[in-house]
Amino acid sequence: MDFFDFISEGFKIFFTRVGDFSLLALGLIIPTSLLLVITANGFTSQNTKTNVIKIILLCLILALEVVVGLIASMSSKLIVESIVKNKPISLAKAINLALSKWGRAFVTQLFTSLIILGLTLLLFIPGVIYSIYYLFMLDAVALRDKDGREALKYSKTLIEGQWWRIFWISMGIGIIFSIFNGLITFLLSKVSANPYFAIVPNAITLYIASIFGVVSTVLFLNIDFVYHRRLAKRKEIAIARNAKKAPTIEEYLKDKQKTKTSTVKRSTVKKVARKVEKTKPVAKRNTRKKE
């Protein structure tokens, strides 16, 4: 598949189950909107107790956003794979599966973020390189039951040998998303300058992001499929090279006859050698023994 195949297939899958994907997007939009409301309201109150309550609420909503974001993303990926495999699953089942993997996904994502942050602070280029290598980290957790280092290794294995291709595809997806997002944000900013109105463009941005999340999952599934197909092909070739060809009945009988003949010849030569040795004078035989 090429770049435009990923885009078209992703959009097609999204609108196949637009209701389910919209509900998942809405689950993420709600906590994010609450965050925007609290931030827009600010901490201007002179009452310290009120400010403390707002900070606690902010932390709780941030935690909720992380939880809901991971569950929504993994549920979306599970639904996409079920559609591709032509074995559709319900939204409830997808969410239950995502919930069962949430802990592993959180730890893996945290671990990945720390690695990429460390590499970026140390040297910028390694951070960029490994952010692409670990692009399919969450897909590995949600769809291949990997976690931690295993998930990172799985993602890196798929991308090795085609880093630049994945880089340009992901860049292309990001540019198209940014164009959509930028255009909508610009148009809606002309409607109202009210900080609370920011909820509307933010909600639209998250909804569009959920569509491109489906596109990203299609990219993973295609690369994963091609990788395993090539791996299976290499194994077939290796087995074919190493496998010994079974001899035909004629070849087997011919080899057996040769073995019998060579055995007879060796035994005959040994018998003749013994007779010659016995017929030699005793003195010569003793001399040979001393030598």
Protein backbone atom coordinates (compact mmCIF):
# COMPACT_ATOMS: atom_id res chain seq x y z
CA MET A 1 0.00 0.00 0.00
CA ASP A 2 1.15 3.55 -0.70
CA PHE A 3 0.42 6.80 1.12
CA PHE A 4 -2.94 7.50 -0.54
CA ASP A 5 -4.05 3.89 0.02
CA PHE A 6 -3.57 4.35 3.77
CA ILE A 7 -5.55 7.60 3.75
CA SER A 8 -8.46 6.27 1.67
CA GLU A 9 -8.64 2.93 3.52
CA GLY A 10 -8.49 4.67 6.90
CA PHE A 11 -11.34 7.05 6.03
CA LYS A 12 -13.39 4.20 4.58
CA ILE A 13 -13.00 2.10 7.75
CA PHE A 14 -13.82 5.10 9.96
CA PHE A 15 -17.11 5.79 8.20
CA THR A 16 -17.96 2.07 8.24
CA ARG A 17 -18.28 2.29 12.04
CA VAL A 18 -18.63 6.07 12.37
CA GLY A 19 -21.00 5.74 15.36
CA ASP A 20 -18.56 3.68 17.46
CA PHE A 21 -15.54 5.80 16.56
CA SER A 22 -17.51 8.98 17.32
CA LEU A 23 -18.43 7.68 20.78
CA LEU A 24 -14.78 6.88 21.49
CA ALA A 25 -13.77 10.38 20.34
CA LEU A 26 -16.50 11.89 22.52
CA GLY A 27 -15.11 10.05 25.54
CA LEU A 28 -11.84 11.92 25.07
CA ILE A 29 -13.49 15.24 24.16
CA ILE A 30 -15.41 15.48 27.46
CA PRO A 31 -12.42 15.45 29.90
CA THR A 32 -10.40 17.68 27.57
CA SER A 33 -13.26 20.19 27.44
CA LEU A 34 -13.47 20.18 31.25
CA LEU A 35 -9.74 20.92 31.39
CA LEU A 36 -10.23 23.88 29.06
CA VAL A 37 -13.08 25.22 31.21
CA ILE A 38 -11.00 25.08 34.41
CA THR A 39 -7.97 26.60 32.65
CA ALA A 40 -10.09 29.39 31.13
CA ASN A 41 -11.61 30.11 34.54
CA GLY A 42 -8.12 30.41 35.99
CA PHE A 43 -6.91 30.56 39.57
CA THR A 44 -7.72 34.21 40.18
CA SER A 45 -9.81 33.65 43.28
CA GLN A 46 -8.39 35.17 46.46
CA ASN A 47 -9.76 32.22 48.37
CA THR A 48 -6.88 29.76 48.75
CA LYS A 49 -9.28 26.90 49.46
CA THR A 50 -11.05 27.47 46.11
CA ASN A 51 -7.72 27.47 44.25
CA VAL A 52 -6.67 24.22 45.94
CA ILE A 53 -9.96 22.60 44.92
CA LYS A 54 -9.41 23.75 41.34
CA ILE A 55 -5.88 22.31 41.31
CA ILE A 56 -7.16 18.96 42.64
CA LEU A 57 -9.90 18.94 39.99
CA LEU A 58 -7.33 19.77 37.31
CA CYS A 59 -5.13 16.83 38.38
CA LEU A 60 -8.09 14.45 38.48
CA ILE A 61 -9.28 15.50 35.03
CA LEU A 62 -5.72 15.16 33.65
CA ALA A 63 -5.59 11.60 35.04
CA LEU A 64 -9.03 10.90 33.55
CA GLU A 65 -7.86 12.23 30.18
CA VAL A 66 -4.86 9.87 30.21
CA VAL A 67 -7.01 6.87 31.14
CA VAL A 68 -9.78 7.64 28.64
CA GLY A 69 -7.26 8.52 25.92
CA LEU A 70 -5.49 5.17 26.15
CA ILE A 71 -8.72 3.18 26.34
CA ALA A 72 -10.25 5.06 23.39
CA SER A 73 -7.12 4.66 21.29
CA MET A 74 -6.73 0.93 21.97
CA SER A 75 -10.47 0.28 21.46
CA SER A 76 -10.27 2.07 18.10
CA LYS A 77 -7.30 -0.06 17.06
CA LEU A 78 -9.09 -3.28 18.04
CA ILE A 79 -12.17 -2.30 16.02
CA VAL A 80 -10.03 -1.41 12.97
CA GLU A 81 -8.23 -4.77 13.03
CA SER A 82 -11.54 -6.64 13.42
CA ILE A 83 -12.90 -4.84 10.32
CA VAL A 84 -9.73 -5.59 8.32
CA LYS A 85 -9.91 -9.28 9.32
CA ASN A 86 -13.63 -9.29 8.51
CA LYS A 87 -14.43 -10.38 12.08
CA PRO A 88 -16.19 -7.29 13.50
CA ILE A 89 -16.41 -6.92 17.27
CA SER A 90 -18.80 -4.76 19.26
CA LEU A 91 -17.76 -1.48 20.86
CA ALA A 92 -18.39 -2.95 24.34
CA LYS A 93 -16.08 -5.91 23.66
CA ALA A 94 -13.38 -3.63 22.26
CA ILE A 95 -13.55 -1.40 25.37
CA ASN A 96 -13.38 -4.47 27.68
CA LEU A 97 -10.29 -5.74 25.87
CA ALA A 98 -8.72 -2.27 26.03
CA LEU A 99 -9.44 -2.06 29.77
CA SER A 100 -7.70 -5.41 30.34
CA LYS A 101 -4.56 -4.03 28.65
CA TRP A 102 -4.70 -0.50 30.05
CA GLY A 103 -2.09 -0.99 32.78
CA ARG A 104 0.49 -2.45 30.39
CA ALA A 105 -0.23 0.28 27.86
CA PHE A 106 0.27 3.03 30.46
CA VAL A 107 3.58 1.63 31.72
CA THR A 108 4.85 1.07 28.15
CA GLN A 109 3.85 4.57 27.04
CA LEU A 110 5.46 6.14 30.12
CA PHE A 111 8.64 4.11 29.54
CA THR A 112 8.71 5.14 25.86
CA SER A 113 8.14 8.82 26.68
CA LEU A 114 11.05 8.80 29.15
CA ILE A 115 13.39 7.17 26.60
CA ILE A 116 12.46 9.60 23.80
CA LEU A 117 12.64 12.59 26.16
CA GLY A 118 16.08 11.51 27.39
CA LEU A 119 17.38 11.00 23.85
CA THR A 120 15.93 14.35 22.71
CA LEU A 121 17.50 16.25 25.60
CA LEU A 122 20.83 14.48 25.07
CA LEU A 123 20.92 14.84 21.29
CA PHE A 124 17.92 15.95 19.26
CA ILE A 125 18.43 13.58 16.28
CA PRO A 126 18.36 10.28 18.28
CA GLY A 127 15.08 11.44 19.81
CA VAL A 128 13.55 11.89 16.34
CA ILE A 129 14.95 8.54 15.13
CA TYR A 130 13.56 6.54 18.04
CA SER A 131 10.22 8.37 18.04
CA ILE A 132 9.71 6.81 14.58
CA TYR A 133 11.08 3.42 15.65
CA TYR A 134 8.59 3.35 18.55
CA LEU A 135 5.67 4.67 16.48
CA PHE A 136 3.75 1.37 16.73
CA MET A 137 4.37 0.82 20.43
CA LEU A 138 0.68 1.14 21.40
CA ASP A 139 -0.40 -1.02 18.43
CA ALA A 140 1.96 -3.75 19.67
CA VAL A 141 0.32 -3.62 23.13
CA ALA A 142 -3.28 -3.43 21.91
CA LEU A 143 -3.12 -5.82 18.95
CA ARG A 144 -0.13 -8.13 19.59
CA ASP A 145 -0.23 -8.49 23.41
CA LYS A 146 3.27 -7.10 23.86
CA ASP A 147 4.38 -4.80 26.65
CA GLY A 148 7.40 -2.88 27.90
CA ARG A 149 10.65 -3.55 26.08
CA GLU A 150 8.98 -6.30 24.05
CA ALA A 151 6.49 -3.79 22.56
CA LEU A 152 9.30 -1.34 21.73
CA LYS A 153 11.38 -4.10 20.15
CA TYR A 154 8.39 -5.28 18.09
CA SER A 155 7.75 -1.77 16.77
CA LYS A 156 11.44 -1.24 15.98
CA THR A 157 11.66 -4.60 14.16
CA LEU A 158 8.76 -3.66 11.85
CA ILE A 159 10.29 -0.28 10.96
CA GLU A 160 13.93 -1.37 10.55
CA GLY A 161 14.96 -1.20 6.90
CA GLN A 162 12.19 1.25 5.96
CA TRP A 163 12.68 4.08 8.47
CA TRP A 164 12.62 6.83 5.85
CA ARG A 165 9.46 5.42 4.22
CA ILE A 166 7.59 5.36 7.55
CA PHE A 167 8.98 8.79 8.40
CA TRP A 168 7.61 10.37 5.20
CA ILE A 169 4.27 8.58 5.47
CA SER A 170 3.78 9.69 9.10
CA MET A 171 4.92 13.21 8.16
CA GLY A 172 2.39 13.25 5.31
CA ILE A 173 -0.42 12.12 7.63
CA GLY A 174 0.64 14.77 10.16
CA ILE A 175 0.70 17.53 7.51
CA ILE A 176 -2.79 16.68 6.22
CA PHE A 177 -4.11 16.59 9.80
CA SER A 178 -2.44 19.94 10.55
CA ILE A 179 -4.01 21.51 7.45
CA PHE A 180 -7.49 20.34 8.50
CA ASN A 181 -6.92 21.39 12.10
CA GLY A 182 -5.37 24.75 11.23
CA LEU A 183 -8.13 25.67 8.81
CA ILE A 184 -10.93 24.82 11.27
CA THR A 185 -9.19 26.59 14.18
CA PHE A 186 -8.61 29.70 12.06
CA LEU A 187 -12.22 29.88 10.85
CA LEU A 188 -13.70 29.30 14.32
CA SER A 189 -11.37 31.86 15.93
CA LYS A 190 -13.15 34.49 13.81
CA VAL A 191 -16.50 33.50 15.32
CA SER A 192 -15.70 34.28 18.95
CA ALA A 193 -12.72 35.24 21.09
CA ASN A 194 -14.33 33.87 24.25
CA PRO A 195 -11.92 31.41 25.97
CA TYR A 196 -14.81 29.02 26.63
CA PHE A 197 -15.57 28.90 22.91
CA ALA A 198 -12.18 27.16 22.46
CA ILE A 199 -14.01 23.99 23.44
CA VAL A 200 -15.64 23.85 19.98
CA PRO A 201 -12.45 23.87 17.80
CA ASN A 202 -10.76 21.60 20.35
CA ALA A 203 -13.59 19.06 20.08
CA ILE A 204 -13.41 19.16 16.27
CA THR A 205 -9.62 18.73 16.41
CA LEU A 206 -9.95 15.63 18.61
CA TYR A 207 -12.61 14.20 16.31
CA ILE A 208 -10.38 14.66 13.24
CA ALA A 209 -7.47 13.18 15.21
CA SER A 210 -9.57 10.03 15.81
CA ILE A 211 -9.99 9.66 12.01
CA PHE A 212 -6.24 9.91 11.46
CA GLY A 213 -5.74 7.47 14.35
CA VAL A 214 -7.60 4.91 12.23
CA VAL A 215 -5.30 5.75 9.29
CA SER A 216 -2.27 5.14 11.55
CA THR A 217 -3.67 1.74 12.60
CA VAL A 218 -4.17 0.78 8.94
CA LEU A 219 -0.50 1.69 8.35
CA PHE A 220 0.57 -0.59 11.22
CA LEU A 221 -1.59 -3.51 10.04
CA ASN A 222 -0.21 -3.29 6.50
CA ILE A 223 3.44 -3.14 7.61
CA ASP A 224 2.87 -5.95 10.13
CA PHE A 225 1.21 -8.14 7.48
CA VAL A 226 3.98 -7.56 4.91
CA TYR A 227 6.71 -8.23 7.51
CA HIS A 228 5.23 -11.58 8.60
CA ARG A 229 4.55 -12.60 5.02
CA ARG A 230 8.19 -11.95 4.07
CA LEU A 231 9.35 -13.76 7.21
CA ALA A 232 7.25 -16.81 6.29
CA LYS A 233 8.63 -16.72 2.75
CA ARG A 234 12.22 -16.62 4.01
CA LYS A 235 11.52 -19.63 6.24
CA GLU A 236 10.04 -21.55 3.31
CA ILE A 237 13.14 -20.82 1.19
CA ALA A 238 15.47 -21.84 4.04
CA ILE A 239 13.58 -25.11 4.60
CA ALA A 240 13.63 -25.85 0.86
CA ARG A 241 17.39 -25.26 0.71
CA ASN A 242 18.19 -27.37 3.76
CA ALA A 243 15.77 -30.21 3.03
CA LYS A 244 17.41 -33.33 1.53
CA LYS A 245 15.75 -34.73 -1.53
CA ALA A 246 14.35 -38.22 -0.85
CA PRO A 247 15.98 -40.80 -3.17
CA THR A 248 13.88 -42.78 -5.62
CA ILE A 249 13.59 -46.60 -5.31
CA GLU A 250 16.05 -47.09 -8.21
CA GLU A 251 18.61 -44.74 -6.59
CA TYR A 252 18.21 -46.44 -3.23
CA LEU A 253 18.77 -49.95 -4.70
CA LYS A 254 21.73 -48.72 -6.73
CA ASP A 255 23.37 -47.17 -3.65
CA LYS A 256 22.72 -50.33 -1.66
CA GLN A 257 24.35 -52.47 -4.36
CA LYS A 258 27.40 -50.20 -4.41
CA THR A 259 27.73 -50.49 -0.64
CA LYS A 260 27.57 -54.31 -0.81
CA THR A 261 30.15 -54.45 -3.63
CA SER A 262 32.58 -52.15 -1.80
CA THR A 263 32.17 -54.23 1.40
CA VAL A 264 32.90 -57.46 -0.53
CA LYS A 265 35.98 -55.93 -2.15
CA ARG A 266 37.39 -54.75 1.17
CA SER A 267 36.86 -58.13 2.81
CA THR A 268 38.51 -59.94 -0.16
CA VAL A 269 41.56 -57.65 -0.03
CA LYS A 270 41.96 -58.28 3.70
CA LYS A 271 41.81 -62.08 3.22
CA VAL A 272 44.45 -61.99 0.47
CA ALA A 273 46.68 -59.78 2.64
CA ARG A 274 46.48 -62.28 5.51
CA LYS A 275 47.40 -65.22 3.22
CA VAL A 276 50.41 -63.35 1.83
CA GLU A 277 51.56 -62.47 5.33
CA LYS A 278 51.36 -66.14 6.41
CA THR A 279 53.35 -67.42 3.40
CA LYS A 280 56.33 -65.07 4.14
CA PRO A 281 59.42 -66.45 6.01
CA VAL A 282 59.35 -66.20 9.80
CA ALA A 283 62.54 -64.08 9.95
CA LYS A 284 61.14 -61.42 7.63
CA ARG A 285 57.93 -61.26 9.63
CA ASN A 286 59.89 -60.80 12.91
CA THR A 287 62.03 -58.05 11.31
CA ARG A 288 58.94 -56.20 10.17
CA LYS A 289 57.52 -56.43 13.69
CA LYS A 290 60.74 -54.91 15.13
CA GLU A 291 60.73 -52.15 12.54
